[in-house]
Protein backbone atom coordinates (compact mmCIF):
# COMPACT_ATOMS: atom_id res chain seq x y z
CA MET A 1 -104.23 24.44 -64.31
CA THR A 2 -103.29 27.35 -66.20
CA PRO A 3 -101.40 27.28 -69.93
CA LEU A 4 -97.82 27.44 -69.49
CA PRO A 5 -95.60 28.54 -72.81
CA LEU A 6 -94.32 25.59 -74.49
CA SER A 7 -90.93 27.64 -74.20
CA ARG A 8 -90.80 27.08 -70.72
CA ALA A 9 -91.73 23.74 -70.33
CA PHE A 10 -87.55 22.91 -70.12
CA THR A 11 -87.80 24.76 -67.30
CA LEU A 12 -89.68 21.86 -65.31
CA ILE A 13 -87.88 19.01 -66.29
CA GLU A 14 -84.39 20.10 -65.52
CA PRO A 15 -81.41 17.71 -65.80
CA GLY A 16 -78.69 16.84 -63.04
CA PRO A 17 -76.63 19.31 -60.84
CA VAL A 18 -74.85 22.24 -62.14
CA VAL A 19 -71.39 21.15 -62.96
CA LEU A 20 -67.90 22.95 -62.92
CA VAL A 21 -66.28 21.15 -66.33
CA THR A 22 -62.31 21.57 -66.18
CA THR A 23 -60.49 21.08 -69.50
CA HIS A 24 -56.64 21.56 -69.91
CA ASP A 25 -55.59 22.30 -73.59
CA GLY A 26 -52.08 21.99 -73.10
CA THR A 27 -51.34 25.09 -71.91
CA ARG A 28 -53.87 26.33 -69.25
CA ALA A 29 -56.72 25.26 -67.47
CA ASN A 30 -59.85 26.48 -68.02
CA ILE A 31 -63.46 26.13 -66.47
CA MET A 32 -66.74 26.19 -67.94
CA THR A 33 -70.14 25.87 -65.57
CA ILE A 34 -72.52 23.40 -67.60
CA THR A 35 -76.01 23.04 -66.09
CA TRP A 36 -77.38 20.65 -68.23
CA THR A 37 -75.86 17.16 -67.31
CA MET A 38 -77.34 13.53 -67.03
CA VAL A 39 -76.73 10.35 -65.83
CA ARG A 40 -75.99 7.71 -68.36
CA GLY A 41 -75.98 4.45 -66.28
CA PHE A 42 -74.48 2.95 -63.05
CA ASP A 43 -71.16 2.44 -64.74
CA ALA A 44 -70.14 6.41 -64.60
CA SER A 45 -71.45 7.10 -67.64
CA PHE A 46 -72.48 10.69 -67.94
CA ALA A 47 -73.53 13.05 -70.70
CA LEU A 48 -73.32 17.05 -70.71
CA THR A 49 -74.48 19.29 -73.58
CA THR A 50 -72.34 22.13 -74.83
CA GLY A 51 -70.31 23.08 -78.21
CA PRO A 52 -68.07 25.53 -79.90
CA TRP A 53 -69.72 28.55 -78.31
CA ASN A 54 -67.83 27.59 -74.77
CA HIS A 55 -64.46 28.41 -75.21
CA SER A 56 -63.48 24.81 -73.58
CA TRP A 57 -64.99 23.25 -76.44
CA ASN A 58 -61.81 22.69 -78.35
CA ALA A 59 -59.68 21.42 -75.13
CA LEU A 60 -62.64 19.00 -74.82
CA CYS A 61 -62.58 18.03 -78.33
CA GLU A 62 -58.87 18.28 -78.77
CA ALA A 63 -58.12 16.13 -75.29
CA ARG A 64 -61.25 14.22 -74.97
CA GLU A 65 -60.88 14.43 -71.23
CA CYS A 66 -62.29 16.83 -68.46
CA VAL A 67 -63.17 16.73 -64.86
CA LEU A 68 -66.79 17.18 -63.75
CA ALA A 69 -66.31 19.06 -60.44
CA ILE A 70 -69.38 19.31 -58.20
CA PRO A 71 -70.14 23.08 -56.63
CA THR A 72 -72.11 23.19 -53.87
CA ALA A 73 -75.15 25.90 -53.13
CA ASP A 74 -72.58 28.03 -51.10
CA MET A 75 -70.68 28.45 -54.54
CA ILE A 76 -73.91 29.78 -56.34
CA ASP A 77 -72.01 33.12 -57.44
CA THR A 78 -68.67 31.29 -58.43
CA VAL A 79 -70.95 29.09 -60.22
CA VAL A 80 -72.71 32.03 -62.34
CA GLY A 81 -69.27 33.96 -62.45
CA ILE A 82 -68.00 31.20 -64.17
CA GLY A 83 -70.40 30.86 -66.43
CA MET A 84 -70.42 34.47 -67.06
CA CYS A 85 -67.06 35.00 -68.72
CA SER A 86 -64.81 33.47 -70.70
CA GLY A 87 -61.66 31.21 -70.84
CA ALA A 88 -60.61 32.78 -73.54
CA ASP A 89 -59.35 36.26 -71.61
CA THR A 90 -59.64 35.08 -67.59
CA ASP A 91 -57.84 32.52 -65.77
CA LYS A 92 -61.24 31.41 -63.87
CA PHE A 93 -59.02 29.76 -61.17
CA GLU A 94 -57.26 32.78 -60.66
CA ARG A 95 -60.54 35.10 -60.67
CA PHE A 96 -62.22 32.73 -58.32
CA ASP A 97 -59.99 31.98 -56.23
CA LEU A 98 -60.35 28.03 -56.89
CA THR A 99 -57.59 25.76 -55.96
CA PRO A 100 -56.54 22.99 -59.11
CA LEU A 101 -55.43 20.20 -57.94
CA ARG A 102 -53.78 17.74 -59.98
CA ALA A 103 -56.24 14.76 -60.89
CA HIS A 104 -54.98 11.16 -61.57
CA HIS A 105 -55.92 9.86 -64.87
CA VAL A 106 -56.48 13.25 -66.83
CA GLY A 107 -54.78 16.31 -67.44
CA ALA A 108 -57.60 18.34 -66.41
CA PRO A 109 -57.63 19.53 -62.79
CA LEU A 110 -59.46 18.98 -59.99
CA ILE A 111 -61.38 21.74 -57.79
CA GLY A 112 -60.37 21.81 -54.53
CA GLU A 113 -63.32 23.96 -53.27
CA CYS A 114 -65.95 21.39 -54.89
CA LEU A 115 -67.77 18.74 -52.82
CA ALA A 116 -66.54 16.12 -55.17
CA ASN A 117 -64.76 15.73 -58.76
CA ILE A 118 -65.10 13.03 -61.22
CA GLU A 119 -62.24 12.30 -63.89
CA CYS A 120 -63.46 11.75 -67.07
CA ARG A 121 -62.52 10.64 -70.49
CA VAL A 122 -64.85 11.55 -73.77
CA GLU A 123 -66.67 8.62 -75.46
CA GLU A 124 -68.19 10.46 -78.38
CA ILE A 125 -69.41 13.68 -79.12
CA VAL A 126 -72.69 13.81 -81.13
CA GLU A 127 -72.09 17.36 -82.72
CA ARG A 128 -75.59 17.66 -84.15
CA LEU A 129 -77.00 16.94 -80.48
CA ASP A 130 -74.04 19.21 -78.75
CA LEU A 131 -73.90 16.22 -77.00
CA VAL A 132 -70.36 14.84 -74.97
CA LEU A 133 -71.08 11.52 -73.63
CA LEU A 134 -68.35 10.48 -70.94
CA LYS A 135 -67.08 7.57 -68.91
CA GLY A 136 -65.77 8.67 -65.40
CA VAL A 137 -62.32 6.95 -64.86
CA ALA A 138 -62.07 8.25 -61.21
CA ALA A 139 -64.08 9.94 -58.09
CA HIS A 140 -63.03 12.00 -55.28
CA ILE A 141 -65.39 13.49 -52.47
CA ASP A 142 -64.29 15.73 -49.70
CA PRO A 143 -66.54 14.07 -46.86
CA ASP A 144 -65.57 17.07 -44.56
CA ARG A 145 -67.53 19.78 -46.55
CA GLU A 146 -69.88 21.53 -44.75
CA ASP A 147 -72.36 22.17 -47.32
CA LYS A 148 -73.68 19.00 -49.42
CA ARG A 149 -76.37 20.63 -51.17
CA LEU A 150 -76.25 20.60 -54.82
CA LEU A 151 -76.91 23.23 -57.02
CA HIS A 152 -80.14 23.09 -59.98
CA ALA A 153 -80.39 25.30 -62.47
CA VAL A 154 -84.35 26.08 -63.38
CA GLY A 155 -83.11 27.59 -66.49
CA ASP A 156 -84.43 31.11 -66.36
CA GLY A 157 -81.70 32.73 -64.30
CA THR A 158 -83.25 30.68 -61.15
CA PHE A 159 -81.74 27.70 -59.20
CA THR A 160 -82.81 25.24 -56.36
CA ALA A 161 -80.57 23.45 -53.82
CA ASP A 162 -80.99 19.74 -52.75
CA GLY A 163 -82.77 19.97 -48.93
CA GLU A 164 -83.95 17.34 -46.69
CA ARG A 165 -83.45 13.34 -48.21
CA PHE A 166 -85.71 10.52 -48.46
CA ASP A 167 -84.17 7.19 -47.71
CA ARG A 168 -85.97 4.53 -49.64
CA SER A 169 -83.15 2.45 -50.46
CA GLU A 170 -84.17 -0.66 -48.65
CA ALA A 171 -87.47 -0.70 -50.12
CA MET A 172 -85.38 -0.34 -53.51
CA ARG A 173 -82.53 -2.90 -52.76
CA ALA A 174 -83.87 -5.57 -55.58
CA LYS A 175 -83.43 -2.36 -58.23
CA LEU A 176 -80.15 -1.21 -57.12
CA PRO A 177 -76.79 -2.42 -58.01
CA ALA A 178 -74.94 -4.24 -55.81
CA GLY A 179 -72.84 -2.16 -53.47
CA LEU A 180 -75.00 0.71 -52.67
């Protein structure tokens, strides 16, 4: 083993996949790239890290709803591009040629090009931790989407993508919720 600077330790335990978070401020929709997400439970509870440095923050706090859109590996340049510009001066749907689709339960749009979209309501914002706790209210998936590889940010400007799947669902059946 060789020493690793502690400042890089977080790159070893990256959380969930990269998501595109859509919001709507009552006037227009926006998209932000979020690389720090996590599942909080089997009941569609999620968390993400963000704060006032993101243009979408005010819409997220005021509307208290959003969509977690799940991009795939073939969308990496779009994902990075969205994260590198601000919704304060950019219509990201237009700039990145993305299709906003009407959500069923929230005002923020789904993204048509993504593998999946989860409509969420904000349960709580823990500002001192820059943590937004979300509860999913509806989920949508495109089963015909050819690329299903999810992106994971390492945190140093590099990404990994899911690859081969290993099915151990039968061995874990006793620990899985009913219906999975």
